[in-house]
PDB file of N, CA and C in Angstrom:
ATOM      1  N   MET A   1     105.381 106.062  49.531  1.00  0.00           N
ATOM      2  CA  MET A   1     104.864 105.950  50.872  1.00  0.00           C
ATOM      3  C   MET A   1     103.406 105.502  50.783  1.00  0.00           C
ATOM      4  N   ARG A   2     103.019 104.688  51.742  1.00  0.00           N
ATOM      5  CA  ARG A   2     101.595 104.273  51.793  1.00  0.00           C
ATOM      6  C   ARG A   2     101.035 104.510  53.145  1.00  0.00           C
ATOM      7  N   PHE A   3      99.756 104.666  53.226  1.00  0.00           N
ATOM      8  CA  PHE A   3      99.053 104.853  54.461  1.00  0.00           C
ATOM      9  C   PHE A   3      98.106 103.711  54.653  1.00  0.00           C
ATOM     10  N   SER A   4      97.732 103.410  55.870  1.00  0.00           N
ATOM     11  CA  SER A   4      96.865 102.300  56.144  1.00  0.00           C
ATOM     12  C   SER A   4      95.729 102.727  57.057  1.00  0.00           C
ATOM     13  N   LEU A   5      94.726 101.875  57.000  1.00  0.00           N
ATOM     14  CA  LEU A   5      93.572 102.085  57.898  1.00  0.00           C
ATOM     15  C   LEU A   5      93.842 101.373  59.238  1.00  0.00           C
ATOM     16  N   PRO A   6      93.236 101.803  60.285  1.00  0.00           N
ATOM     17  CA  PRO A   6      93.396 101.076  61.548  1.00  0.00           C
ATOM     18  C   PRO A   6      93.010  99.591  61.397  1.00  0.00           C
ATOM     19  N   PRO A   7      93.798  98.672  61.979  1.00  0.00           N
ATOM     20  CA  PRO A   7      93.522  97.268  61.825  1.00  0.00           C
ATOM     21  C   PRO A   7      92.299  96.811  62.602  1.00  0.00           C
ATOM     22  N   ASP A   8      91.690  95.742  62.110  1.00  0.00           N
ATOM     23  CA  ASP A   8      90.605  95.065  62.868  1.00  0.00           C
ATOM     24  C   ASP A   8      91.286  94.202  63.914  1.00  0.00           C
ATOM     25  N   PHE A   9      90.507  93.771  64.898  1.00  0.00           N
ATOM     26  CA  PHE A   9      91.088  92.942  65.961  1.00  0.00           C
ATOM     27  C   PHE A   9      91.543  91.580  65.505  1.00  0.00           C
ATOM     28  N   ASP A  10      91.028  91.100  64.345  1.00  0.00           N
ATOM     29  CA  ASP A  10      91.480  89.817  63.839  1.00  0.00           C
ATOM     30  C   ASP A  10      92.927  89.877  63.387  1.00  0.00           C
ATOM     31  N   VAL A  11      93.473  91.043  63.247  1.00  0.00           N
ATOM     32  CA  VAL A  11      94.867  91.212  62.880  1.00  0.00           C
ATOM     33  C   VAL A  11      95.788  90.595  63.972  1.00  0.00           C
ATOM     34  N   ILE A  12      95.389  90.656  65.223  1.00  0.00           N
ATOM     35  CA  ILE A  12      96.103  90.034  66.308  1.00  0.00           C
ATOM     36  C   ILE A  12      96.246  88.543  66.036  1.00  0.00           C
ATOM     37  N   ASP A  13      95.172  87.896  65.652  1.00  0.00           N
ATOM     38  CA  ASP A  13      95.267  86.481  65.330  1.00  0.00           C
ATOM     39  C   ASP A  13      96.198  86.225  64.164  1.00  0.00           C
ATOM     40  N   THR A  14      96.202  87.079  63.165  1.00  0.00           N
ATOM     41  CA  THR A  14      97.046  86.947  62.003  1.00  0.00           C
ATOM     42  C   THR A  14      98.510  87.025  62.416  1.00  0.00           C
ATOM     43  N   VAL A  15      98.859  88.026  63.262  1.00  0.00           N
ATOM     44  CA  VAL A  15     100.234  88.146  63.740  1.00  0.00           C
ATOM     45  C   VAL A  15     100.640  86.914  64.508  1.00  0.00           C
ATOM     46  N   VAL A  16      99.815  86.473  65.411  1.00  0.00           N
ATOM     47  CA  VAL A  16     100.158  85.303  66.243  1.00  0.00           C
ATOM     48  C   VAL A  16     100.313  84.058  65.341  1.00  0.00           C
ATOM     49  N   ASN A  17      99.403  83.869  64.409  1.00  0.00           N
ATOM     50  CA  ASN A  17      99.512  82.702  63.523  1.00  0.00           C
ATOM     51  C   ASN A  17     100.782  82.746  62.643  1.00  0.00           C
ATOM     52  N   GLU A  18     101.117  83.946  62.131  1.00  0.00           N
ATOM     53  CA  GLU A  18     102.332  84.060  61.313  1.00  0.00           C
ATOM     54  C   GLU A  18     103.596  83.834  62.147  1.00  0.00           C
ATOM     55  N   CYS A  19     103.612  84.319  63.383  1.00  0.00           N
ATOM     56  CA  CYS A  19     104.712  84.055  64.283  1.00  0.00           C
ATOM     57  C   CYS A  19     104.862  82.582  64.586  1.00  0.00           C
ATOM     58  N   ALA A  20     103.753  81.890  64.796  1.00  0.00           N
ATOM     59  CA  ALA A  20     103.781  80.468  65.075  1.00  0.00           C
ATOM     60  C   ALA A  20     104.308  79.712  63.871  1.00  0.00           C
ATOM     61  N   GLU A  21     103.894  80.095  62.663  1.00  0.00           N
ATOM     62  CA  GLU A  21     104.395  79.474  61.417  1.00  0.00           C
ATOM     63  C   GLU A  21     105.920  79.689  61.318  1.00  0.00           C
ATOM     64  N   LEU A  22     106.394  80.899  61.591  1.00  0.00           N
ATOM     65  CA  LEU A  22     107.810  81.188  61.522  1.00  0.00           C
ATOM     66  C   LEU A  22     108.587  80.342  62.534  1.00  0.00           C
ATOM     67  N   GLN A  23     108.053  80.248  63.706  1.00  0.00           N
ATOM     68  CA  GLN A  23     108.726  79.455  64.731  1.00  0.00           C
ATOM     69  C   GLN A  23     108.806  77.957  64.339  1.00  0.00           C
ATOM     70  N   THR A  24     107.767  77.460  63.774  1.00  0.00           N
ATOM     71  CA  THR A  24     107.715  76.066  63.346  1.00  0.00           C
ATOM     72  C   THR A  24     108.618  75.769  62.151  1.00  0.00           C
ATOM     73  N   GLU A  25     108.558  76.662  61.158  1.00  0.00           N
ATOM     74  CA  GLU A  25     109.256  76.416  59.884  1.00  0.00           C
ATOM     75  C   GLU A  25     110.785  76.706  60.012  1.00  0.00           C
ATOM     76  N   ASN A  26     111.165  77.739  60.722  1.00  0.00           N
ATOM     77  CA  ASN A  26     112.558  78.188  60.667  1.00  0.00           C
ATOM     78  C   ASN A  26     113.337  78.031  61.936  1.00  0.00           C
ATOM     79  N   GLN A  27     112.687  78.009  63.035  1.00  0.00           N
ATOM     80  CA  GLN A  27     113.442  78.080  64.297  1.00  0.00           C
ATOM     81  C   GLN A  27     112.596  77.488  65.420  1.00  0.00           C
ATOM     82  N   ASN A  28     113.030  76.412  65.948  1.00  0.00           N
ATOM     83  CA  ASN A  28     112.256  75.733  67.013  1.00  0.00           C
ATOM     84  C   ASN A  28     112.356  76.463  68.323  1.00  0.00           C
ATOM     85  N   SER A  29     113.401  77.206  68.543  1.00  0.00           N
ATOM     86  CA  SER A  29     113.567  77.927  69.785  1.00  0.00           C
ATOM     87  C   SER A  29     114.301  79.205  69.572  1.00  0.00           C
ATOM     88  N   ALA A  30     114.245  80.110  70.509  1.00  0.00           N
ATOM     89  CA  ALA A  30     114.950  81.373  70.468  1.00  0.00           C
ATOM     90  C   ALA A  30     115.594  81.626  71.826  1.00  0.00           C
ATOM     91  N   ASP A  31     116.761  82.277  71.788  1.00  0.00           N
ATOM     92  CA  ASP A  31     117.399  82.653  73.060  1.00  0.00           C
ATOM     93  C   ASP A  31     116.883  84.003  73.537  1.00  0.00           C
ATOM     94  N   ALA A  32     116.375  84.805  72.612  1.00  0.00           N
ATOM     95  CA  ALA A  32     115.745  86.108  72.943  1.00  0.00           C
ATOM     96  C   ALA A  32     114.851  86.579  71.798  1.00  0.00           C
ATOM     97  N   VAL A  33     113.885  87.401  72.145  1.00  0.00           N
ATOM     98  CA  VAL A  33     112.956  87.898  71.157  1.00  0.00           C
ATOM     99  C   VAL A  33     112.806  89.429  71.366  1.00  0.00           C
ATOM    100  N   ILE A  34     112.851  90.143  70.240  1.00  0.00           N
ATOM    101  CA  ILE A  34     112.577  91.563  70.257  1.00  0.00           C
ATOM    102  C   ILE A  34     111.359  91.812  69.408  1.00  0.00           C
ATOM    103  N   MET A  35     110.390  92.510  69.966  1.00  0.00           N
ATOM    104  CA  MET A  35     109.153  92.844  69.222  1.00  0.00           C
ATOM    105  C   MET A  35     109.024  94.367  69.162  1.00  0.00           C
ATOM    106  N   PHE A  36     108.860  94.898  67.955  1.00  0.00           N
ATOM    107  CA  PHE A  36     108.593  96.313  67.841  1.00  0.00           C
ATOM    108  C   PHE A  36     107.414  96.541  66.966  1.00  0.00           C
ATOM    109  N   SER A  37     106.535  97.404  67.425  1.00  0.00           N
ATOM    110  CA  SER A  37     105.264  97.662  66.749  1.00  0.00           C
ATOM    111  C   SER A  37     105.123  99.154  66.509  1.00  0.00           C
ATOM    112  N   CYS A  38     104.355  99.493  65.504  1.00  0.00           N
ATOM    113  CA  CYS A  38     104.021 100.853  65.231  1.00  0.00           C
ATOM    114  C   CYS A  38     103.103 101.372  66.351  1.00  0.00           C
ATOM    115  N   ILE A  39     103.332 102.559  66.785  1.00  0.00           N
ATOM    116  CA  ILE A  39     102.535 103.161  67.870  1.00  0.00           C
ATOM    117  C   ILE A  39     101.067 103.241  67.459  1.00  0.00           C
ATOM    118  N   SER A  40     100.775 103.257  66.173  1.00  0.00           N
ATOM    119  CA  SER A  40      99.391 103.303  65.731  1.00  0.00           C
ATOM    120  C   SER A  40      98.632 102.011  66.096  1.00  0.00           C
ATOM    121  N   ARG A  41      99.361 100.901  66.247  1.00  0.00           N
ATOM    122  CA  ARG A  41      98.708  99.659  66.690  1.00  0.00           C
ATOM    123  C   ARG A  41      98.237  99.863  68.103  1.00  0.00           C
ATOM    124  N   TYR A  42      99.069 100.460  68.940  1.00  0.00           N
ATOM    125  CA  TYR A  42      98.637 100.694  70.318  1.00  0.00           C
ATOM    126  C   TYR A  42      97.456 101.642  70.373  1.00  0.00           C
ATOM    127  N   LEU A  43      97.451 102.656  69.534  1.00  0.00           N
ATOM    128  CA  LEU A  43      96.331 103.587  69.505  1.00  0.00           C
ATOM    129  C   LEU A  43      95.056 102.916  68.963  1.00  0.00           C
ATOM    130  N   SER A  44      95.229 101.958  68.072  1.00  0.00           N
ATOM    131  CA  SER A  44      94.068 101.221  67.527  1.00  0.00           C
ATOM    132  C   SER A  44      93.533 100.171  68.480  1.00  0.00           C
ATOM    133  N   PHE A  45      94.449  99.396  69.124  1.00  0.00           N
ATOM    134  CA  PHE A  45      94.027  98.251  69.913  1.00  0.00           C
ATOM    135  C   PHE A  45      93.765  98.595  71.362  1.00  0.00           C
ATOM    136  N   GLY A  46      94.395  99.647  71.851  1.00  0.00           N
ATOM    137  CA  GLY A  46      94.236 100.020  73.276  1.00  0.00           C
ATOM    138  C   GLY A  46      94.675  98.872  74.175  1.00  0.00           C
ATOM    139  N   ILE A  47      93.830  98.445  75.115  1.00  0.00           N
ATOM    140  CA  ILE A  47      94.223  97.449  76.063  1.00  0.00           C
ATOM    141  C   ILE A  47      94.417  96.031  75.405  1.00  0.00           C
ATOM    142  N   MET A  48      93.919  95.864  74.198  1.00  0.00           N
ATOM    143  CA  MET A  48      94.085  94.610  73.489  1.00  0.00           C
ATOM    144  C   MET A  48      95.568  94.425  73.090  1.00  0.00           C
ATOM    145  N   THR A  49      96.305  95.520  73.059  1.00  0.00           N
ATOM    146  CA  THR A  49      97.728  95.402  72.733  1.00  0.00           C
ATOM    147  C   THR A  49      98.449  94.416  73.627  1.00  0.00           C
ATOM    148  N   SER A  50      98.133  94.396  74.916  1.00  0.00           N
ATOM    149  CA  SER A  50      98.798  93.475  75.806  1.00  0.00           C
ATOM    150  C   SER A  50      98.504  92.053  75.448  1.00  0.00           C
ATOM    151  N   GLU A  51      97.303  91.746  74.887  1.00  0.00           N
ATOM    152  CA  GLU A  51      96.987  90.349  74.456  1.00  0.00           C
ATOM    153  C   GLU A  51      97.930  89.962  73.299  1.00  0.00           C
ATOM    154  N   GLU A  52      98.102  90.855  72.336  1.00  0.00           N
ATOM    155  CA  GLU A  52      98.977  90.527  71.223  1.00  0.00           C
ATOM    156  C   GLU A  52     100.414  90.253  71.687  1.00  0.00           C
ATOM    157  N   ILE A  53     100.927  91.105  72.579  1.00  0.00           N
ATOM    158  CA  ILE A  53     102.285  90.953  73.086  1.00  0.00           C
ATOM    159  C   ILE A  53     102.406  89.634  73.837  1.00  0.00           C
ATOM    160  N   GLU A  54     101.471  89.338  74.700  1.00  0.00           N
ATOM    161  CA  GLU A  54     101.507  88.077  75.488  1.00  0.00           C
ATOM    162  C   GLU A  54     101.436  86.839  74.629  1.00  0.00           C
ATOM    163  N   ARG A  55     100.577  86.869  73.640  1.00  0.00           N
ATOM    164  CA  ARG A  55     100.457  85.719  72.752  1.00  0.00           C
ATOM    165  C   ARG A  55     101.686  85.487  71.911  1.00  0.00           C
ATOM    166  N   VAL A  56     102.322  86.540  71.432  1.00  0.00           N
ATOM    167  CA  VAL A  56     103.562  86.399  70.661  1.00  0.00           C
ATOM    168  C   VAL A  56     104.676  85.894  71.577  1.00  0.00           C
ATOM    169  N   GLN A  57     104.753  86.456  72.779  1.00  0.00           N
ATOM    170  CA  GLN A  57     105.766  86.012  73.733  1.00  0.00           C
ATOM    171  C   GLN A  57     105.626  84.525  74.054  1.00  0.00           C
ATOM    172  N   ASN A  58     104.444  84.028  74.169  1.00  0.00           N
ATOM    173  CA  ASN A  58     104.193  82.637  74.498  1.00  0.00           C
ATOM    174  C   ASN A  58     104.624  81.667  73.405  1.00  0.00           C
ATOM    175  N   ILE A  59     104.724  82.137  72.196  1.00  0.00           N
ATOM    176  CA  ILE A  59     105.166  81.262  71.118  1.00  0.00           C
ATOM    177  C   ILE A  59     106.582  80.761  71.334  1.00  0.00           C
ATOM    178  N   TRP A  60     107.472  81.694  71.695  1.00  0.00           N
ATOM    179  CA  TRP A  60     108.898  81.332  71.873  1.00  0.00           C
ATOM    180  C   TRP A  60     109.287  81.021  73.316  1.00  0.00           C
ATOM    181  N   ASN A  61     108.521  81.565  74.299  1.00  0.00           N
ATOM    182  CA  ASN A  61     108.824  81.370  75.679  1.00  0.00           C
ATOM    183  C   ASN A  61     110.315  81.626  75.964  1.00  0.00           C
ATOM    184  N   ALA A  62     110.792  82.812  75.563  1.00  0.00           N
ATOM    185  CA  ALA A  62     112.197  83.210  75.706  1.00  0.00           C
ATOM    186  C   ALA A  62     112.206  84.625  76.285  1.00  0.00           C
ATOM    187  N   PRO A  63     113.358  85.055  76.818  1.00  0.00           N
ATOM    188  CA  PRO A  63     113.440  86.505  77.219  1.00  0.00           C
ATOM    189  C   PRO A  63     112.959  87.408  76.133  1.00  0.00           C
ATOM    190  N   PHE A  64     112.190  88.370  76.485  1.00  0.00           N
ATOM    191  CA  PHE A  64     111.391  89.182  75.534  1.00  0.00           C
ATOM    192  C   PHE A  64     111.507  90.669  75.918  1.00  0.00           C
ATOM    193  N   ILE A  65     111.702  91.467  74.908  1.00  0.00           N
ATOM    194  CA  ILE A  65     111.724  92.924  75.062  1.00  0.00           C
ATOM    195  C   ILE A  65     111.091  93.548  73.848  1.00  0.00           C
ATOM    196  N   GLY A  66     110.561  94.725  73.991  1.00  0.00           N
ATOM    197  CA  GLY A  66     109.949  95.402  72.826  1.00  0.00           C
ATOM    198  C   GLY A  66     109.737  96.863  73.037  1.00  0.00           C
ATOM    199  N   PHE A  67     109.281  97.533  72.011  1.00  0.00           N
ATOM    200  CA  PHE A  67     109.058  98.954  72.043  1.00  0.00           C
ATOM    201  C   PHE A  67     108.115  99.339  70.911  1.00  0.00           C
ATOM    202  N   PHE A  68     107.567 100.556  70.997  1.00  0.00           N
ATOM    203  CA  PHE A  68     106.737 101.093  69.946  1.00  0.00           C
ATOM    204  C   PHE A  68     107.556 102.142  69.151  1.00  0.00           C
ATOM    205  N   CYS A  69     107.315 102.221  67.853  1.00  0.00           N
ATOM    206  CA  CYS A  69     108.035 103.134  67.000  1.00  0.00           C
ATOM    207  C   CYS A  69     107.030 103.854  66.060  1.00  0.00           C
ATOM    208  N   TYR A  70     107.561 104.677  65.178  1.00  0.00           N
ATOM    209  CA  TYR A  70     106.702 105.519  64.341  1.00  0.00           C
ATOM    210  C   TYR A  70     106.790 105.099  62.879  1.00  0.00           C
ATOM    211  N   GLY A  71     106.991 103.854  62.586  1.00  0.00           N
ATOM    212  CA  GLY A  71     107.086 103.379  61.207  1.00  0.00           C
ATOM    213  C   GLY A  71     108.257 102.390  61.152  1.00  0.00           C
ATOM    214  N   GLU A  72     108.167 101.456  60.254  1.00  0.00           N
ATOM    215  CA  GLU A  72     109.149 100.387  60.244  1.00  0.00           C
ATOM    216  C   GLU A  72     109.643 100.203  58.778  1.00  0.00           C
ATOM    217  N   PHE A  73     110.918  99.864  58.640  1.00  0.00           N
ATOM    218  CA  PHE A  73     111.489  99.569  57.357  1.00  0.00           C
ATOM    219  C   PHE A  73     111.887  98.092  57.371  1.00  0.00           C
ATOM    220  N   GLY A  74     111.669  97.426  56.248  1.00  0.00           N
ATOM    221  CA  GLY A  74     112.045  96.053  56.177  1.00  0.00           C
ATOM    222  C   GLY A  74     111.495  95.400  54.904  1.00  0.00           C
ATOM    223  N   LYS A  75     111.851  94.111  54.736  1.00  0.00           N
ATOM    224  CA  LYS A  75     111.365  93.436  53.560  1.00  0.00           C
ATOM    225  C   LYS A  75     109.904  93.113  53.679  1.00  0.00           C
ATOM    226  N   SER A  76     109.200  93.240  52.577  1.00  0.00           N
ATOM    227  CA  SER A  76     107.823  92.798  52.513  1.00  0.00           C
ATOM    228  C   SER A  76     107.826  91.305  52.192  1.00  0.00           C
ATOM    229  N   LYS A  77     106.654  90.737  52.169  1.00  0.00           N
ATOM    230  CA  LYS A  77     106.539  89.274  51.822  1.00  0.00           C
ATOM    231  C   LYS A  77     107.049  89.049  50.409  1.00  0.00           C
ATOM    232  N   LYS A  78     107.090  90.067  49.590  1.00  0.00           N
ATOM    233  CA  LYS A  78     107.591  89.923  48.209  1.00  0.00           C
ATOM    234  C   LYS A  78     109.100  90.073  48.159  1.00  0.00           C
ATOM    235  N   GLY A  79     109.764  90.340  49.304  1.00  0.00           N
ATOM    236  CA  GLY A  79     111.172  90.472  49.379  1.00  0.00           C
ATOM    237  C   GLY A  79     111.744  91.807  49.095  1.00  0.00           C
ATOM    238  N   LYS A  80     110.936  92.785  48.864  1.00  0.00           N
ATOM    239  CA  LYS A  80     111.352  94.142  48.540  1.00  0.00           C
ATOM    240  C   LYS A  80     111.431  94.967  49.813  1.00  0.00           C
ATOM    241  N   HIS A  81     112.503  95.714  50.009  1.00  0.00           N
ATOM    242  CA  HIS A  81     112.588  96.628  51.200  1.00  0.00           C
ATOM    243  C   HIS A  81     111.625  97.782  51.002  1.00  0.00           C
ATOM    244  N   GLU A  82     110.808  97.988  52.022  1.00  0.00           N
ATOM    245  CA  GLU A  82     109.782  99.013  51.981  1.00  0.00           C
ATOM    246  C   GLU A  82     109.577  99.691  53.340  1.00  0.00           C
ATOM    247  N   PHE A  83     108.916 100.803  53.300  1.00  0.00           N
ATOM    248  CA  PHE A  83     108.458 101.446  54.545  1.00  0.00           C
ATOM    249  C   PHE A  83     107.115 100.797  54.885  1.00  0.00           C
ATOM    250  N   HIS A  84     106.988 100.335  56.105  1.00  0.00           N
ATOM    251  CA  HIS A  84     105.737  99.737  56.562  1.00  0.00           C
ATOM    252  C   HIS A  84     105.138 100.686  57.594  1.00  0.00           C
ATOM    253  N   ASN A  85     103.859 100.576  57.785  1.00  0.00           N
ATOM    254  CA  ASN A  85     103.164 101.346  58.794  1.00  0.00           C
ATOM    255  C   ASN A  85     102.098 100.461  59.438  1.00  0.00           C
ATOM    256  N   ASN A  86     101.886 100.705  60.728  1.00  0.00           N
ATOM    257  CA  ASN A  86     100.873  99.947  61.444  1.00  0.00           C
ATOM    258  C   ASN A  86     101.194  98.437  61.514  1.00  0.00           C
ATOM    259  N   THR A  87     102.493  98.129  61.633  1.00  0.00           N
ATOM    260  CA  THR A  87     102.908  96.724  61.651  1.00  0.00           C
ATOM    261  C   THR A  87     103.451  96.305  62.964  1.00  0.00           C
ATOM    262  N   CYS A  88     103.521  95.016  63.102  1.00  0.00           N
ATOM    263  CA  CYS A  88     104.172  94.358  64.257  1.00  0.00           C
ATOM    264  C   CYS A  88     105.356  93.601  63.715  1.00  0.00           C
ATOM    265  N   CYS A  89     106.530  93.820  64.212  1.00  0.00           N
ATOM    266  CA  CYS A  89     107.726  93.149  63.731  1.00  0.00           C
ATOM    267  C   CYS A  89     108.352  92.387  64.902  1.00  0.00           C
ATOM    268  N   VAL A  90     108.862  91.202  64.572  1.00  0.00           N
ATOM    269  CA  VAL A  90     109.465  90.332  65.576  1.00  0.00           C
ATOM    270  C   VAL A  90     110.860  89.871  65.086  1.00  0.00           C
ATOM    271  N   VAL A  91     111.813  89.996  65.961  1.00  0.00           N
ATOM    272  CA  VAL A  91     113.186  89.550  65.681  1.00  0.00           C
ATOM    273  C   VAL A  91     113.521  88.490  66.703  1.00  0.00           C
ATOM    274  N   THR A  92     113.908  87.301  66.244  1.00  0.00           N
ATOM    275  CA  THR A  92     114.348  86.298  67.184  1.00  0.00           C
ATOM    276  C   THR A  92     115.874  86.094  67.048  1.00  0.00           C
ATOM    277  N   MET A  93     116.476  85.781  68.177  1.00  0.00           N
ATOM    278  CA  MET A  93     117.962  85.583  68.200  1.00  0.00           C
ATOM    279  C   MET A  93     118.249  84.228  68.791  1.00  0.00           C
ATOM    280  N   LYS A  94     119.233  83.538  68.208  1.00  0.00           N
ATOM    281  CA  LYS A  94     119.646  82.233  68.654  1.00  0.00           C
ATOM    282  C   LYS A  94     121.146  82.121  68.556  1.00  0.00           C
ATOM    283  N   GLU A  95     121.803  81.764  69.650  1.00  0.00           N
ATOM    284  CA  GLU A  95     123.244  81.632  69.679  1.00  0.00           C
ATOM    285  C   GLU A  95     123.581  80.285  68.977  1.00  0.00           C
ATOM    286  N   ILE A  96     124.541  80.345  68.092  1.00  0.00           N
ATOM    287  CA  ILE A  96     124.984  79.158  67.376  1.00  0.00           C
ATOM    288  C   ILE A  96     126.408  78.825  67.813  1.00  0.00           C
ATOM    289  N   ASN A  97     126.575  77.644  68.316  1.00  0.00           N
ATOM    290  CA  ASN A  97     127.908  77.177  68.789  1.00  0.00           C
ATOM    291  C   ASN A  97     128.539  76.415  67.672  1.00  0.00           C
ATOM    292  N   ASN A  98     129.773  76.817  67.294  1.00  0.00           N
ATOM    293  CA  ASN A  98     130.522  76.145  66.220  1.00  0.00           C
ATOM    294  C   ASN A  98     131.427  75.117  66.796  1.00  0.00           C
TER     295      ASN A  98
END
């Protein structure tokens, strides 16, 4: 388990930039987007949280839903499944017609 310090506001730019890179590299559009963030981000950012949500939503311009949670599990950038804390996670969905 690891613990983290509250993020600086530049983390919002990092999240938005990484989402934009993901959208450009892997998926030009999405039919729906789910965003879930650690509640500690809301406690750290306060009203700035709405800016992060809005900027991520604008990247895909698709139906969007989200929620706050108390810790996240998933792959790290190194590909290893780990417990994350104080993170913003985005899932995009696209219908594929065969």
